[in-house]
N, C-alpha and C. Protein backbone atom coordinates (compact mmCIF):
# COMPACT_ATOMS: atom_id res chain seq x y z
N UNK A 1 0.85 -1.19 -0.11
CA UNK A 1 0.22 0.19 -0.13
C UNK A 1 0.79 1.12 -0.09
N UNK A 2 0.61 2.19 -0.62
CA UNK A 2 1.12 3.13 -0.82
C UNK A 2 0.60 4.85 -0.64
N UNK A 3 1.24 5.28 0.11
CA UNK A 3 0.19 6.72 0.49
C UNK A 3 0.61 8.10 -0.70
N UNK A 4 0.00 8.80 -0.82
CA UNK A 4 0.22 9.85 -1.75
C UNK A 4 0.08 11.40 -1.20
N UNK A 5 1.05 12.06 -1.48
CA UNK A 5 1.11 13.61 -1.02
C UNK A 5 0.83 14.27 -2.51
N UNK A 6 -0.03 15.64 -2.55
CA UNK A 6 0.16 16.59 -3.88
C UNK A 6 0.59 17.69 -3.08
N UNK A 7 1.63 18.23 -4.26
CA UNK A 7 2.47 19.10 -3.81
C UNK A 7 2.98 19.84 -5.13
N UNK A 8 2.50 21.25 -5.60
CA UNK A 8 3.19 22.01 -6.36
C UNK A 8 2.80 20.87 -7.67
N UNK A 9 2.11 20.93 -7.92
CA UNK A 9 2.02 19.90 -9.67
C UNK A 9 3.02 18.52 -9.35
N UNK A 10 2.98 17.84 -8.26
CA UNK A 10 3.74 16.80 -8.06
C UNK A 10 3.21 15.91 -7.24
N UNK A 11 3.26 14.38 -7.51
CA UNK A 11 2.50 13.81 -6.63
C UNK A 11 3.97 12.91 -5.80
N UNK A 12 3.93 13.08 -4.49
CA UNK A 12 4.81 12.01 -3.71
C UNK A 12 4.03 11.08 -3.03
N UNK A 13 4.83 10.22 -3.79
CA UNK A 13 4.18 8.64 -3.30
C UNK A 13 5.25 7.70 -2.15
N UNK A 14 4.89 7.11 -1.35
CA UNK A 14 5.52 6.31 -0.29
C UNK A 14 5.16 5.41 -0.03
N UNK A 15 5.87 4.18 0.14
CA UNK A 15 5.14 2.69 0.07
C UNK A 15 5.15 2.33 1.52
N UNK A 16 5.04 3.19 2.43
CA UNK A 16 4.42 3.10 3.81
C UNK A 16 6.00 2.70 4.62
N UNK A 17 6.33 3.52 4.46
CA UNK A 17 8.39 3.27 5.25
C UNK A 17 8.60 4.97 5.75
N UNK A 18 9.22 4.79 7.03
CA UNK A 18 10.28 5.68 7.34
C UNK A 18 11.50 5.74 6.89
N UNK A 19 11.92 4.92 5.97
CA UNK A 19 13.06 4.50 5.32
C UNK A 19 13.74 5.90 4.84
N UNK A 20 15.25 6.26 4.93
CA UNK A 20 15.52 7.10 3.94
C UNK A 20 15.95 7.10 2.59
N UNK A 21 15.63 8.16 1.67
CA UNK A 21 16.02 7.54 0.35
C UNK A 21 17.76 8.04 0.39
N UNK A 22 18.41 7.04 -0.24
CA UNK A 22 19.69 6.46 -0.55
C UNK A 22 20.37 7.09 -2.20
N UNK A 23 19.32 6.54 -3.04
CA UNK A 23 19.32 6.95 -4.22
C UNK A 23 18.33 7.05 -5.30
N UNK A 24 18.43 7.69 -6.38
CA UNK A 24 17.17 7.93 -7.16
C UNK A 24 17.24 7.79 -8.77
N UNK A 25 16.49 7.13 -8.90
CA UNK A 25 16.44 7.26 -11.08
C UNK A 25 15.16 7.60 -11.77
N UNK A 26 15.88 8.30 -12.62
CA UNK A 26 14.63 9.18 -13.55
C UNK A 26 14.09 7.70 -14.19
N UNK A 27 13.01 7.96 -14.78
CA UNK A 27 12.36 7.31 -15.86
C UNK A 27 11.83 8.50 -16.45
N UNK A 28 12.06 8.57 -18.15
CA UNK A 28 11.56 9.77 -18.61
C UNK A 28 11.45 11.18 -18.10
N UNK A 29 10.65 11.97 -18.24
CA UNK A 29 10.86 13.19 -17.90
C UNK A 29 9.76 13.61 -16.51
N UNK A 30 8.93 12.45 -16.32
CA UNK A 30 7.85 12.25 -15.39
C UNK A 30 8.14 11.78 -14.12
N UNK A 31 8.95 10.62 -13.77
CA UNK A 31 9.16 9.64 -12.82
C UNK A 31 10.63 10.01 -12.03
N UNK A 32 10.37 10.00 -10.90
CA UNK A 32 11.89 9.94 -10.32
C UNK A 32 11.66 9.05 -9.24
N UNK A 33 11.93 7.57 -9.23
CA UNK A 33 12.04 6.49 -8.31
C UNK A 33 12.83 6.66 -7.31
N UNK A 34 12.68 6.44 -6.14
CA UNK A 34 13.25 6.57 -4.66
C UNK A 34 13.57 5.14 -4.27
N UNK A 35 14.86 5.05 -3.93
CA UNK A 35 15.37 3.81 -3.58
C UNK A 35 15.79 3.76 -1.87
N UNK A 36 16.31 3.00 -1.13
CA UNK A 36 16.73 3.02 -0.04
C UNK A 36 18.23 2.21 -0.22
N UNK A 37 18.92 2.49 0.89
CA UNK A 37 20.29 1.89 0.77
C UNK A 37 20.25 0.33 0.28
N UNK A 38 19.63 -0.65 0.30
CA UNK A 38 19.71 -1.67 0.04
C UNK A 38 18.86 -1.99 -1.28
N UNK A 39 18.96 -0.75 -2.26
CA UNK A 39 18.20 -0.84 -3.35
C UNK A 39 16.79 -1.40 -3.69
N UNK A 40 16.20 -0.88 -2.69
CA UNK A 40 14.68 -1.28 -2.60
C UNK A 40 13.57 0.08 -3.01
N UNK A 41 12.94 -0.33 -3.72
CA UNK A 41 12.25 0.56 -3.97
C UNK A 41 10.98 1.42 -3.00
N UNK A 42 11.04 2.77 -2.79
CA UNK A 42 10.27 3.10 -1.33
C UNK A 42 9.33 4.01 -1.70
N UNK A 43 9.29 4.49 -3.10
CA UNK A 43 8.46 5.43 -3.38
C UNK A 43 8.71 5.94 -5.20
N UNK A 44 8.04 6.97 -5.36
CA UNK A 44 8.07 7.39 -6.77
C UNK A 44 7.91 9.22 -6.48
N UNK A 45 8.39 10.20 -6.89
CA UNK A 45 7.61 11.45 -7.04
C UNK A 45 7.43 11.68 -8.76
N UNK A 46 6.09 12.15 -8.96
CA UNK A 46 5.50 11.75 -10.26
C UNK A 46 5.49 13.33 -10.53
N UNK A 47 6.33 14.15 -11.65
CA UNK A 47 6.67 15.40 -11.50
C UNK A 47 5.49 15.64 -12.82
N UNK A 48 5.27 16.94 -12.73
CA UNK A 48 4.32 17.40 -13.93
C UNK A 48 2.88 16.87 -14.03
N UNK A 49 2.30 16.87 -12.69
CA UNK A 49 0.80 16.18 -12.35
C UNK A 49 -0.10 17.36 -12.14
N UNK A 50 -0.97 17.78 -12.82
CA UNK A 50 -2.26 18.62 -12.51
C UNK A 50 -3.62 18.67 -12.51
N UNK A 51 -4.11 18.62 -11.19
CA UNK A 51 -5.33 18.29 -10.68
C UNK A 51 -5.92 19.42 -9.73
N UNK A 52 -6.96 20.39 -10.23
CA UNK A 52 -7.14 21.21 -9.66
C UNK A 52 -7.88 21.02 -8.42
N UNK A 53 -8.77 19.65 -8.44
CA UNK A 53 -9.37 19.09 -7.69
C UNK A 53 -8.77 18.69 -6.54
N UNK A 54 -7.64 18.51 -6.29
CA UNK A 54 -6.61 18.16 -5.30
C UNK A 54 -6.28 19.13 -4.65
N UNK A 55 -6.69 19.05 -3.22
CA UNK A 55 -5.66 20.01 -2.09
C UNK A 55 -4.42 19.80 -1.86
N UNK A 56 -3.75 20.50 -1.50
CA UNK A 56 -1.94 20.51 -1.33
C UNK A 56 -1.92 19.58 0.24
N UNK A 57 -0.78 18.42 -0.13
CA UNK A 57 -0.99 17.88 1.05
C UNK A 57 -1.25 16.26 1.09
N UNK A 58 -1.45 15.63 2.32
CA UNK A 58 -1.97 14.09 2.22
C UNK A 58 -3.18 14.09 1.64
N UNK A 59 -3.50 13.04 0.98
CA UNK A 59 -4.69 13.09 -0.09
C UNK A 59 -5.32 11.70 1.49
N UNK A 60 -6.24 11.96 1.54
CA UNK A 60 -6.99 11.67 2.80
C UNK A 60 -7.39 9.84 2.37
N UNK A 61 -7.95 10.16 0.94
CA UNK A 61 -8.73 9.28 0.40
C UNK A 61 -8.34 9.27 -1.34
N UNK A 62 -7.58 8.82 -1.70
CA UNK A 62 -7.36 8.73 -3.32
C UNK A 62 -8.57 7.85 -3.86
N UNK A 63 -8.81 8.78 -4.90
CA UNK A 63 -9.82 7.97 -5.74
C UNK A 63 -9.45 7.00 -6.86
N UNK A 64 -10.20 6.18 -7.19
CA UNK A 64 -9.89 5.33 -8.26
C UNK A 64 -9.55 5.67 -9.41
N UNK A 65 -9.91 7.14 -9.67
CA UNK A 65 -8.92 7.87 -10.96
C UNK A 65 -7.92 8.04 -10.85
N UNK A 66 -7.49 8.67 -9.49
CA UNK A 66 -6.37 9.10 -9.31
C UNK A 66 -5.18 8.00 -9.52
N UNK A 67 -5.71 6.97 -8.71
CA UNK A 67 -4.64 5.27 -8.79
C UNK A 67 -4.71 5.20 -10.36
N UNK A 68 -5.84 4.99 -11.05
CA UNK A 68 -5.53 4.44 -12.51
C UNK A 68 -4.78 5.40 -12.99
N UNK A 69 -4.70 6.76 -12.92
CA UNK A 69 -3.62 7.56 -13.74
C UNK A 69 -2.52 7.69 -13.75
N UNK A 70 -1.86 7.40 -11.95
CA UNK A 70 -0.57 6.84 -11.71
C UNK A 70 0.01 5.87 -12.23
N UNK A 71 -0.90 4.52 -12.02
CA UNK A 71 -0.86 3.19 -12.50
C UNK A 71 -0.25 3.17 -14.23
N UNK A 72 -0.95 4.42 -14.72
CA UNK A 72 -1.07 4.18 -16.52
C UNK A 72 0.42 4.91 -16.58
N UNK A 73 0.87 6.25 -15.61
CA UNK A 73 1.99 6.58 -15.95
C UNK A 73 3.31 5.77 -15.56
N UNK A 74 3.19 4.89 -14.33
CA UNK A 74 4.06 4.02 -14.19
C UNK A 74 4.48 2.88 -15.14
N UNK A 75 3.03 2.37 -15.64
CA UNK A 75 3.34 1.19 -16.45
C UNK A 75 3.97 1.47 -17.62
N UNK A 76 3.62 2.72 -18.15
CA UNK A 76 4.08 3.24 -19.40
C UNK A 76 6.00 3.34 -19.36
N UNK A 77 6.33 3.17 -18.24
CA UNK A 77 7.74 3.38 -17.87
C UNK A 77 8.02 1.46 -17.94
N UNK A 78 7.26 0.82 -17.89
CA UNK A 78 7.55 -0.56 -17.30
C UNK A 78 8.06 -0.77 -15.99
N UNK A 79 6.96 0.60 -14.96
CA UNK A 79 6.79 -0.02 -13.70
C UNK A 79 5.80 -0.59 -12.94
N UNK A 80 5.87 -1.41 -12.09
CA UNK A 80 4.60 -2.13 -11.43
C UNK A 80 3.56 -1.23 -11.03
N UNK A 81 2.26 -1.45 -10.94
CA UNK A 81 0.83 -1.03 -10.63
C UNK A 81 0.91 -0.86 -8.95
N UNK A 82 0.67 -0.10 -8.43
CA UNK A 82 0.66 -0.12 -6.93
C UNK A 82 -0.90 0.61 -6.43
N UNK A 83 -0.95 0.00 -5.00
CA UNK A 83 -2.40 0.61 -4.42
C UNK A 83 -2.31 1.39 -4.10
N UNK A 84 -2.90 2.73 -4.01
CA UNK A 84 -3.07 3.66 -3.19
C UNK A 84 -3.71 3.66 -2.06
N UNK A 85 -3.25 3.88 -0.69
CA UNK A 85 -4.25 3.92 0.60
C UNK A 85 -4.80 5.02 1.23
N UNK A 86 -5.30 4.77 1.60
CA UNK A 86 -6.17 5.94 2.08
C UNK A 86 -6.10 6.09 3.78
N UNK A 87 -6.71 6.90 4.94
CA UNK A 87 -6.63 7.26 6.10
C UNK A 87 -7.53 6.24 6.76
N UNK A 88 -8.03 5.28 6.29
CA UNK A 88 -8.87 4.01 7.16
C UNK A 88 -7.82 3.61 8.27
N UNK A 89 -7.19 3.57 8.84
CA UNK A 89 -6.12 3.45 9.89
C UNK A 89 -6.02 4.31 10.71
N UNK A 90 -6.48 5.34 10.17
CA UNK A 90 -6.84 6.39 11.71
C UNK A 90 -7.92 6.19 12.13
N UNK A 91 -8.28 5.88 13.11
CA UNK A 91 -9.59 5.15 13.94
C UNK A 91 -10.09 5.93 14.70
N UNK A 92 -11.39 6.02 14.85
CA UNK A 92 -12.04 5.92 16.40
C UNK A 92 -12.10 4.84 17.77
N UNK A 93 -11.35 5.18 18.79
CA UNK A 93 -11.01 4.22 19.99
C UNK A 93 -11.22 5.15 21.34
N UNK A 94 -11.50 3.94 22.16
CA UNK A 94 -12.21 4.17 23.19
C UNK A 94 -11.04 3.70 24.45
N UNK A 95 -10.59 4.57 25.24
CA UNK A 95 -9.35 4.74 26.25
C UNK A 95 -10.07 3.70 27.46
N UNK A 96 -9.81 2.43 27.54
CA UNK A 96 -10.32 1.80 28.54
C UNK A 96 -9.71 1.31 30.02
N UNK A 97 -8.27 1.82 30.20
CA UNK A 97 -7.67 2.00 31.05
C UNK A 97 -6.20 3.20 30.78
N UNK A 98 -6.01 3.79 32.18
CA UNK A 98 -4.84 4.83 32.06
C UNK A 98 -4.23 5.05 33.15
N UNK A 99 -3.16 4.65 33.39
CA UNK A 99 -2.24 4.88 34.52
C UNK A 99 -1.08 5.75 33.97
N UNK A 100 -0.50 5.87 34.90
CA UNK A 100 1.16 6.75 34.74
C UNK A 100 2.04 5.75 34.70
N UNK A 101 2.93 6.21 33.90
CA UNK A 101 4.16 5.45 33.39
C UNK A 101 5.09 5.10 34.46
N UNK A 102 5.64 4.17 35.22
CA UNK A 102 6.78 4.24 36.17
C UNK A 102 7.88 5.04 36.03
N UNK A 103 8.27 5.15 34.64
CA UNK A 103 9.44 5.77 34.35
C UNK A 103 9.41 6.97 34.11
N UNK A 104 8.31 7.96 34.43
CA UNK A 104 7.95 9.07 33.25
C UNK A 104 7.57 10.10 34.62
N UNK A 105 7.38 11.49 34.86
CA UNK A 105 6.79 12.45 35.13
C UNK A 105 5.54 12.75 34.31
N UNK A 106 5.60 12.41 32.99
CA UNK A 106 4.61 12.87 32.07
C UNK A 106 3.65 12.10 31.07
N UNK A 107 4.24 10.83 31.38
CA UNK A 107 3.96 9.93 30.56
C UNK A 107 2.49 9.04 30.88
N UNK A 108 1.96 8.64 30.17
CA UNK A 108 1.05 7.41 30.39
C UNK A 108 0.54 6.14 30.17
N UNK A 109 0.35 4.99 30.14
CA UNK A 109 0.31 4.13 29.82
C UNK A 109 -1.43 3.73 29.91
N UNK A 110 -1.23 3.56 28.27
CA UNK A 110 -3.15 3.49 28.25
C UNK A 110 -3.41 2.02 27.36
N UNK A 111 -4.45 1.45 27.79
CA UNK A 111 -5.17 0.56 27.08
C UNK A 111 -6.46 1.28 26.12
N UNK A 112 -6.53 1.00 24.86
CA UNK A 112 -7.27 1.52 23.85
C UNK A 112 -8.50 0.71 22.99
N UNK A 113 -9.59 0.45 23.18
CA UNK A 113 -10.37 -0.15 22.10
C UNK A 113 -10.58 0.38 20.97
N UNK A 114 -10.19 -0.36 20.04
CA UNK A 114 -10.52 0.18 18.36
C UNK A 114 -11.20 -1.00 17.78
N UNK A 115 -11.96 -1.29 18.00
CA UNK A 115 -13.04 -2.57 17.83
C UNK A 115 -12.34 -3.80 17.34
N UNK A 116 -11.53 -4.05 16.65
CA UNK A 116 -10.92 -4.99 16.19
C UNK A 116 -9.98 -5.72 17.42
N UNK A 117 -9.02 -4.71 18.01
CA UNK A 117 -8.41 -5.00 18.79
C UNK A 117 -8.28 -4.04 20.25
N UNK A 118 -7.27 -4.31 21.11
CA UNK A 118 -7.17 -3.62 22.48
C UNK A 118 -6.06 -3.27 21.91
N UNK A 119 -5.15 -1.91 21.84
CA UNK A 119 -3.84 -1.59 21.84
C UNK A 119 -3.59 -0.61 23.24
N UNK A 120 -2.15 -1.32 23.21
CA UNK A 120 -1.45 -0.74 24.38
C UNK A 120 -0.68 0.52 23.86
N UNK A 121 -0.80 1.87 24.29
CA UNK A 121 -0.34 3.22 23.43
C UNK A 121 -0.04 3.83 24.71
N UNK A 122 1.47 4.17 24.68
CA UNK A 122 1.97 5.52 25.94
C UNK A 122 1.75 6.84 25.07
N UNK A 123 1.12 7.67 26.00
CA UNK A 123 0.77 8.63 25.68
C UNK A 123 1.24 10.17 26.64
N UNK A 124 1.42 11.10 25.73
CA UNK A 124 2.25 11.90 26.58
C UNK A 124 1.21 13.28 27.06
N UNK A 125 0.01 13.23 26.64
CA UNK A 125 -0.83 14.24 26.78
C UNK A 125 -1.78 14.26 28.09
N UNK A 126 -1.48 15.84 28.55
CA UNK A 126 -1.84 16.04 29.97
C UNK A 126 -3.63 15.81 30.29
N UNK A 127 -4.26 15.66 29.03
CA UNK A 127 -5.64 15.50 29.26
C UNK A 127 -6.18 14.12 28.95
N UNK A 128 -5.45 12.98 28.72
CA UNK A 128 -5.61 11.86 28.71
C UNK A 128 -6.29 11.09 30.05
N UNK A 129 -7.51 10.49 29.56
CA UNK A 129 -8.09 9.82 30.60
C UNK A 129 -8.81 8.37 30.82
N UNK A 130 -9.27 7.70 31.00
CA UNK A 130 -9.75 6.61 30.92
C UNK A 130 -11.48 6.75 30.74
N UNK A 131 -12.16 6.28 29.76
CA UNK A 131 -13.73 6.62 29.19
C UNK A 131 -13.39 7.43 28.08
N UNK A 132 -12.63 7.89 27.71
CA UNK A 132 -12.66 9.09 26.61
C UNK A 132 -12.71 8.18 25.41
N UNK A 133 -13.27 8.76 24.23
CA UNK A 133 -13.18 8.47 22.58
C UNK A 133 -12.08 9.47 22.46
N UNK A 134 -11.06 8.90 21.71
CA UNK A 134 -10.00 9.61 20.83
C UNK A 134 -9.97 9.07 19.23
N UNK A 135 -8.70 9.56 18.78
CA UNK A 135 -8.57 9.60 17.80
C UNK A 135 -7.35 8.42 17.52
N UNK A 136 -6.86 7.04 16.94
CA UNK A 136 -5.88 6.46 17.09
C UNK A 136 -5.06 6.23 15.63
N UNK A 137 -4.00 6.58 15.30
CA UNK A 137 -3.44 6.45 14.28
C UNK A 137 -2.74 5.15 15.19
N UNK A 138 -3.14 4.07 14.04
CA UNK A 138 -2.60 2.95 14.42
C UNK A 138 -1.23 2.30 13.73
N UNK A 139 -0.38 1.17 13.76
CA UNK A 139 0.74 1.18 13.29
C UNK A 139 0.69 1.30 12.10
N UNK A 140 1.41 2.00 11.20
CA UNK A 140 1.53 1.78 9.75
C UNK A 140 0.48 2.78 8.89
N UNK A 141 0.08 3.76 10.01
CA UNK A 141 -0.40 4.83 9.11
C UNK A 141 0.56 5.99 8.71
N UNK A 142 0.79 6.75 7.95
CA UNK A 142 1.14 7.61 7.91
C UNK A 142 0.58 9.12 8.03
N UNK A 143 1.10 9.77 8.70
CA UNK A 143 0.52 11.04 9.35
C UNK A 143 0.95 12.30 8.42
N UNK A 144 0.09 13.31 8.51
CA UNK A 144 0.68 14.69 7.48
C UNK A 144 1.66 14.85 7.59
N UNK A 145 2.23 14.88 8.98
CA UNK A 145 3.97 15.44 8.33
C UNK A 145 5.00 14.31 7.75
N UNK A 146 4.07 13.55 7.22
CA UNK A 146 4.80 12.12 6.27
C UNK A 146 5.66 11.17 7.43
N UNK A 147 5.60 10.99 8.69
CA UNK A 147 6.02 10.23 9.55
C UNK A 147 5.02 9.18 9.58
N UNK A 148 5.63 7.62 9.62
CA UNK A 148 4.95 6.79 9.78
C UNK A 148 4.95 6.25 11.28
N UNK A 149 3.57 5.43 11.68
CA UNK A 149 3.57 5.08 13.14
C UNK A 149 4.27 3.66 13.16
N UNK A 150 5.34 3.70 13.90
CA UNK A 150 5.46 2.28 13.77
C UNK A 150 5.70 1.83 15.76
N UNK A 151 5.65 0.39 15.69
CA UNK A 151 5.41 0.33 17.19
C UNK A 151 6.89 0.79 17.71
N UNK A 152 6.87 0.85 19.09
CA UNK A 152 7.98 1.59 19.67
C UNK A 152 7.73 0.98 21.17
N UNK A 153 9.46 1.26 21.88
CA UNK A 153 9.75 1.36 23.33
C UNK A 153 9.55 2.41 23.46
N UNK A 154 8.50 3.34 24.40
CA UNK A 154 8.96 4.51 25.32
C UNK A 154 9.42 4.22 26.77
N UNK A 155 10.66 4.36 27.06
CA UNK A 155 11.02 4.19 28.61
C UNK A 155 10.50 2.78 28.92
N UNK A 156 11.22 1.81 27.95
CA UNK A 156 10.91 0.23 28.26
C UNK A 156 9.64 -0.30 28.47
N UNK A 157 8.60 0.87 27.82
CA UNK A 157 7.14 0.34 27.71
C UNK A 157 6.68 0.28 26.22
N UNK A 158 6.39 -0.94 25.64
CA UNK A 158 5.59 -0.92 24.02
C UNK A 158 4.71 -0.15 23.98
N UNK A 159 4.78 0.29 22.92
CA UNK A 159 3.40 1.33 22.47
C UNK A 159 3.17 1.03 21.11
N UNK A 160 2.25 0.46 20.47
CA UNK A 160 1.67 0.02 19.40
C UNK A 160 0.55 1.24 18.86
N UNK A 161 1.03 2.56 18.41
CA UNK A 161 -0.26 3.43 17.71
C UNK A 161 0.02 4.82 18.55
N UNK A 162 -0.55 5.49 18.22
CA UNK A 162 -0.62 6.96 18.47
C UNK A 162 -2.12 7.57 18.64
N UNK A 163 -2.21 8.28 20.14
CA UNK A 163 -3.42 9.20 20.28
C UNK A 163 -3.17 10.54 19.79
N UNK A 164 -4.04 10.92 18.90
CA UNK A 164 -3.75 12.02 17.89
C UNK A 164 -4.31 13.54 18.83
N UNK A 165 -3.49 14.02 18.51
CA UNK A 165 -4.24 15.78 19.02
C UNK A 165 -4.88 16.22 17.40
N UNK A 166 -5.62 17.39 18.07
CA UNK A 166 -6.46 18.09 16.82
C UNK A 166 -4.92 18.41 16.02
N UNK A 167 -3.92 19.01 16.40
CA UNK A 167 -2.99 20.13 15.79
C UNK A 167 -2.43 18.67 14.67
N UNK A 168 -2.15 17.41 15.11
CA UNK A 168 -1.68 16.36 14.12
C UNK A 168 -2.53 15.84 13.35
N UNK A 169 -3.80 16.16 13.11
CA UNK A 169 -4.73 15.73 12.45
C UNK A 169 -5.22 16.90 11.45
N UNK A 170 -4.50 17.87 11.45
CA UNK A 170 -4.82 19.27 11.08
C UNK A 170 -5.52 20.23 10.57
N UNK A 171 -6.10 19.71 11.90
CA UNK A 171 -7.55 20.61 11.54
C UNK A 171 -7.56 21.87 12.27
N UNK A 172 -8.45 22.36 11.56
CA UNK A 172 -8.36 23.95 11.74
C UNK A 172 -8.48 24.56 13.36
N UNK A 173 -7.56 25.24 13.87
CA UNK A 173 -7.94 26.13 15.08
C UNK A 173 -7.06 25.72 16.11
N UNK A 174 -6.38 24.00 15.88
CA UNK A 174 -5.54 23.92 17.01
C UNK A 174 -4.02 23.93 16.99
N UNK A 175 -3.56 23.85 18.13
CA UNK A 175 -1.88 24.54 18.29
C UNK A 175 -1.57 23.15 18.86
N UNK A 176 -0.32 23.38 18.84
CA UNK A 176 0.40 22.44 19.22
C UNK A 176 0.41 22.26 20.89
N UNK A 177 0.93 21.31 21.55
CA UNK A 177 0.83 21.01 22.72
C UNK A 177 -0.44 21.71 23.69
N UNK A 178 -1.73 21.33 22.86
CA UNK A 178 -2.90 21.62 23.69
C UNK A 178 -3.70 20.45 23.71
N UNK A 179 -2.72 18.98 23.86
CA UNK A 179 -3.64 18.33 24.37
C UNK A 179 -4.28 16.95 23.28
N UNK A 180 -4.52 15.86 23.57
CA UNK A 180 -5.42 15.16 22.69
C UNK A 180 -6.70 15.63 22.25
N UNK A 181 -7.14 15.02 20.85
CA UNK A 181 -8.58 15.61 20.84
C UNK A 181 -9.49 14.77 21.53
N UNK A 182 -10.76 15.05 22.32
CA UNK A 182 -11.15 14.14 22.70
C UNK A 182 -13.03 14.16 21.82
N UNK A 183 -13.41 13.21 21.43
CA UNK A 183 -14.33 13.29 20.53
C UNK A 183 -15.96 13.10 21.39
N UNK A 184 -17.07 13.14 20.97
CA UNK A 184 -18.33 13.02 21.58
C UNK A 184 -18.74 11.58 21.46
N UNK A 185 -19.93 11.08 21.90
CA UNK A 185 -20.46 10.03 22.12
C UNK A 185 -21.11 9.67 20.80
N UNK A 186 -21.29 10.40 19.88
CA UNK A 186 -21.94 9.80 18.16
C UNK A 186 -20.67 9.30 17.82
N UNK A 187 -19.46 9.35 17.90
CA UNK A 187 -18.13 8.67 16.90
C UNK A 187 -18.04 7.28 17.15
N UNK A 188 -18.30 6.30 16.14
CA UNK A 188 -18.30 4.99 16.68
C UNK A 188 -16.89 4.13 16.79
N UNK A 189 -16.52 3.39 18.12
CA UNK A 189 -15.42 2.58 17.91
C UNK A 189 -14.99 1.96 16.76
N UNK A 190 -13.65 1.87 16.29
CA UNK A 190 -13.57 1.42 14.90
C UNK A 190 -13.72 1.85 13.80
N UNK A 191 -14.59 2.75 13.53
CA UNK A 191 -14.33 3.85 12.18
C UNK A 191 -13.27 4.64 12.11
N UNK A 192 -13.07 4.65 10.73
CA UNK A 192 -12.23 5.81 10.54
C UNK A 192 -12.49 7.08 11.22
N UNK A 193 -11.90 7.98 11.19
CA UNK A 193 -12.38 8.99 12.06
C UNK A 193 -12.47 10.51 10.93
N UNK A 194 -11.72 10.27 9.76
CA UNK A 194 -11.97 11.34 8.50
C UNK A 194 -13.31 10.22 7.30
N UNK A 195 -14.21 10.61 7.44
CA UNK A 195 -15.46 10.16 6.56
C UNK A 195 -14.76 10.06 5.13
N UNK A 196 -14.92 9.17 4.36
CA UNK A 196 -15.03 9.34 3.00
C UNK A 196 -16.04 10.05 2.43
N UNK A 197 -15.57 10.94 1.45
CA UNK A 197 -17.07 11.71 0.87
C UNK A 197 -17.69 10.97 -0.58
């Protein structure tokens, strides 16, 4: 699965990795293929792509039309087709438990129900509490800044996902360090936070 950004008449495609680009290869005048140090393809930049219906930034739910156009461009250069990923893994969760991290004065260890599983997530927000409905970025989610959510150890406690703030979700009016976004009861656990249009 591949995420796609639209920026300055260019599509930036990432195959789901925080890996750094080690080298590139140009195909014709429109495609720059990105490779890691092991020579694995980790994404593409497609140049001179014009679509006035696209807003700059991460495309929350790429259309079938966009995916078909991307694959037509890639296939013309003998490159394989790809599947464009939407934001289905950014879901509504319910915080079941919230306890203080034993080795931190500001982190909390939570368990969060996202319908198909219960995730342990370490969270640093001051306003996190049991019983809240929140937005969870599951492992494998690309955030709006291009970072992928990966399993991690935070002060020797495993964390599988991230509880999101309004700022991290690029919602209007939210500033950094204002805490997590708390949802009302109209949101259903497990549903994608961003509705498909």
